Amino acid sequence: MCVGVGVGSVQVAWLDVNSLPLTYDDRRVIDDTRFSVVRTHVNQWNLQVRQVRRDDAGRYRCTVNTFPVRSKVVYLHVKGQ
């Protein structure tokens, strides 16, 4: 989960391990429909990955365009199969 400060004034992006953007605000910016943003609260941006595959494992980073820029790194561990 990534938490932004204020509403409407911040821009939030989820990036993959290679710093390629996956989402920008509420929009998916890649062709892979398994990735999306889920907003349970107005200032939360949760990255959702459906039908997780082994190659999805790794680091994901959320950035918020505050000053200074806020960033949070999460790790996805895939077990089984």
C-alpha atoms as a PDB file:
ATOM      1  CA  MET A   1       0.000   0.000   0.000  1.00  0.00           C
ATOM      2  CA  CYS A   2       1.179   3.477  -0.820  1.00  0.00           C
ATOM      3  CA  VAL A   3      -0.218   6.454   1.072  1.00  0.00           C
ATOM      4  CA  GLY A   4      -0.326   9.941  -0.418  1.00  0.00           C
ATOM      5  CA  VAL A   5      -0.755  13.215   1.418  1.00  0.00           C
ATOM      6  CA  GLY A   6      -3.647  15.397   0.384  1.00  0.00           C
ATOM      7  CA  VAL A   7      -6.093  14.582  -2.332  1.00  0.00           C
ATOM      8  CA  GLY A   8      -5.968  15.762  -5.919  1.00  0.00           C
ATOM      9  CA  SER A   9      -2.621  17.502  -5.561  1.00  0.00           C
ATOM     10  CA  VAL A  10      -0.407  14.416  -5.583  1.00  0.00           C
ATOM     11  CA  GLN A  11       0.512  12.051  -8.370  1.00  0.00           C
ATOM     12  CA  VAL A  12       1.250   8.427  -7.551  1.00  0.00           C
ATOM     13  CA  ALA A  13       3.069   5.859  -9.668  1.00  0.00           C
ATOM     14  CA  TRP A  14       3.855   2.182  -9.159  1.00  0.00           C
ATOM     15  CA  LEU A  15       7.086   1.007 -10.809  1.00  0.00           C
ATOM     16  CA  ASP A  16       8.514  -2.460 -11.352  1.00  0.00           C
ATOM     17  CA  VAL A  17      12.006  -3.675 -10.445  1.00  0.00           C
ATOM     18  CA  ASN A  18      13.424  -2.023 -13.606  1.00  0.00           C
ATOM     19  CA  SER A  19      11.749   1.315 -12.745  1.00  0.00           C
ATOM     20  CA  LEU A  20       9.260   0.891 -15.586  1.00  0.00           C
ATOM     21  CA  PRO A  21       5.890   2.442 -14.741  1.00  0.00           C
ATOM     22  CA  LEU A  22       2.998   0.048 -14.167  1.00  0.00           C
ATOM     23  CA  THR A  23       0.377   2.524 -13.005  1.00  0.00           C
ATOM     24  CA  TYR A  24      -0.025   6.279 -12.811  1.00  0.00           C
ATOM     25  CA  ASP A  25      -2.609   7.550 -10.353  1.00  0.00           C
ATOM     26  CA  ASP A  26      -5.657   5.293 -10.917  1.00  0.00           C
ATOM     27  CA  ARG A  27      -4.670   4.257 -14.448  1.00  0.00           C
ATOM     28  CA  ARG A  28      -2.742   1.230 -15.650  1.00  0.00           C
ATOM     29  CA  VAL A  29      -0.047   2.308 -18.127  1.00  0.00           C
ATOM     30  CA  ILE A  30       1.117  -1.118 -19.328  1.00  0.00           C
ATOM     31  CA  ASP A  31      -0.662  -3.641 -21.531  1.00  0.00           C
ATOM     32  CA  ASP A  32      -0.750  -6.312 -18.813  1.00  0.00           C
ATOM     33  CA  THR A  33      -4.318  -6.233 -17.447  1.00  0.00           C
ATOM     34  CA  ARG A  34      -3.302  -8.276 -14.393  1.00  0.00           C
ATOM     35  CA  PHE A  35      -1.975  -5.064 -12.799  1.00  0.00           C
ATOM     36  CA  SER A  36      -4.303  -2.427 -11.371  1.00  0.00           C
ATOM     37  CA  VAL A  37      -4.659   0.089  -8.558  1.00  0.00           C
ATOM     38  CA  VAL A  38      -7.201  -0.481  -5.809  1.00  0.00           C
ATOM     39  CA  ARG A  39      -8.225   2.516  -3.690  1.00  0.00           C
ATOM     40  CA  THR A  40      -9.755   1.443  -0.369  1.00  0.00           C
ATOM     41  CA  HIS A  41      -9.378   4.987   1.002  1.00  0.00           C
ATOM     42  CA  VAL A  42      -9.042   8.297  -0.817  1.00  0.00           C
ATOM     43  CA  ASN A  43      -5.323   8.628   0.012  1.00  0.00           C
ATOM     44  CA  GLN A  44      -4.294   4.977  -0.559  1.00  0.00           C
ATOM     45  CA  TRP A  45      -3.056   3.420  -3.790  1.00  0.00           C
ATOM     46  CA  ASN A  46      -2.720  -0.372  -3.542  1.00  0.00           C
ATOM     47  CA  LEU A  47      -1.067  -2.273  -6.372  1.00  0.00           C
ATOM     48  CA  GLN A  48      -3.065  -5.390  -7.220  1.00  0.00           C
ATOM     49  CA  VAL A  49      -1.594  -8.231  -9.267  1.00  0.00           C
ATOM     50  CA  ARG A  50      -4.026 -10.899 -10.414  1.00  0.00           C
ATOM     51  CA  GLN A  51      -3.030 -14.381 -11.572  1.00  0.00           C
ATOM     52  CA  VAL A  52       0.443 -13.981 -10.091  1.00  0.00           C
ATOM     53  CA  ARG A  53       3.278 -15.765 -11.908  1.00  0.00           C
ATOM     54  CA  ARG A  54       6.762 -16.667 -10.728  1.00  0.00           C
ATOM     55  CA  ASP A  55       8.318 -13.936 -12.850  1.00  0.00           C
ATOM     56  CA  ASP A  56       6.180 -11.336 -11.029  1.00  0.00           C
ATOM     57  CA  ALA A  57       8.304 -11.879  -7.917  1.00  0.00           C
ATOM     58  CA  GLY A  58      10.557  -9.033  -6.913  1.00  0.00           C
ATOM     59  CA  ARG A  59      10.602  -5.403  -5.881  1.00  0.00           C
ATOM     60  CA  TYR A  60       7.870  -2.875  -6.633  1.00  0.00           C
ATOM     61  CA  ARG A  61       8.159   0.815  -5.782  1.00  0.00           C
ATOM     62  CA  CYS A  62       5.500   3.408  -5.210  1.00  0.00           C
ATOM     63  CA  THR A  63       6.420   7.075  -5.610  1.00  0.00           C
ATOM     64  CA  VAL A  64       4.429  10.153  -4.609  1.00  0.00           C
ATOM     65  CA  ASN A  65       5.374  13.526  -6.098  1.00  0.00           C
ATOM     66  CA  THR A  66       5.625  15.408  -2.822  1.00  0.00           C
ATOM     67  CA  PHE A  67       8.655  17.505  -1.867  1.00  0.00           C
ATOM     68  CA  PRO A  68      10.752  15.669  -1.068  1.00  0.00           C
ATOM     69  CA  VAL A  69       9.481  12.764  -3.153  1.00  0.00           C
ATOM     70  CA  ARG A  70       8.043   9.979  -1.024  1.00  0.00           C
ATOM     71  CA  SER A  71       8.797   6.418  -1.994  1.00  0.00           C
ATOM     72  CA  LYS A  72       7.914   2.992  -0.635  1.00  0.00           C
ATOM     73  CA  VAL A  73       9.350  -0.330  -1.730  1.00  0.00           C
ATOM     74  CA  VAL A  74       7.487  -3.611  -1.340  1.00  0.00           C
ATOM     75  CA  TYR A  75       8.614  -7.115  -2.223  1.00  0.00           C
ATOM     76  CA  LEU A  76       6.415  -9.753  -3.789  1.00  0.00           C
ATOM     77  CA  HIS A  77       7.426 -13.312  -2.944  1.00  0.00           C
ATOM     78  CA  VAL A  78       5.808 -16.040  -5.032  1.00  0.00           C
ATOM     79  CA  LYS A  79       5.600 -19.554  -3.571  1.00  0.00           C
ATOM     80  CA  GLY A  80       4.419 -22.762  -5.140  1.00  0.00           C
ATOM     81  CA  GLN A  81       4.002 -24.053  -8.670  1.00  0.00           C
END
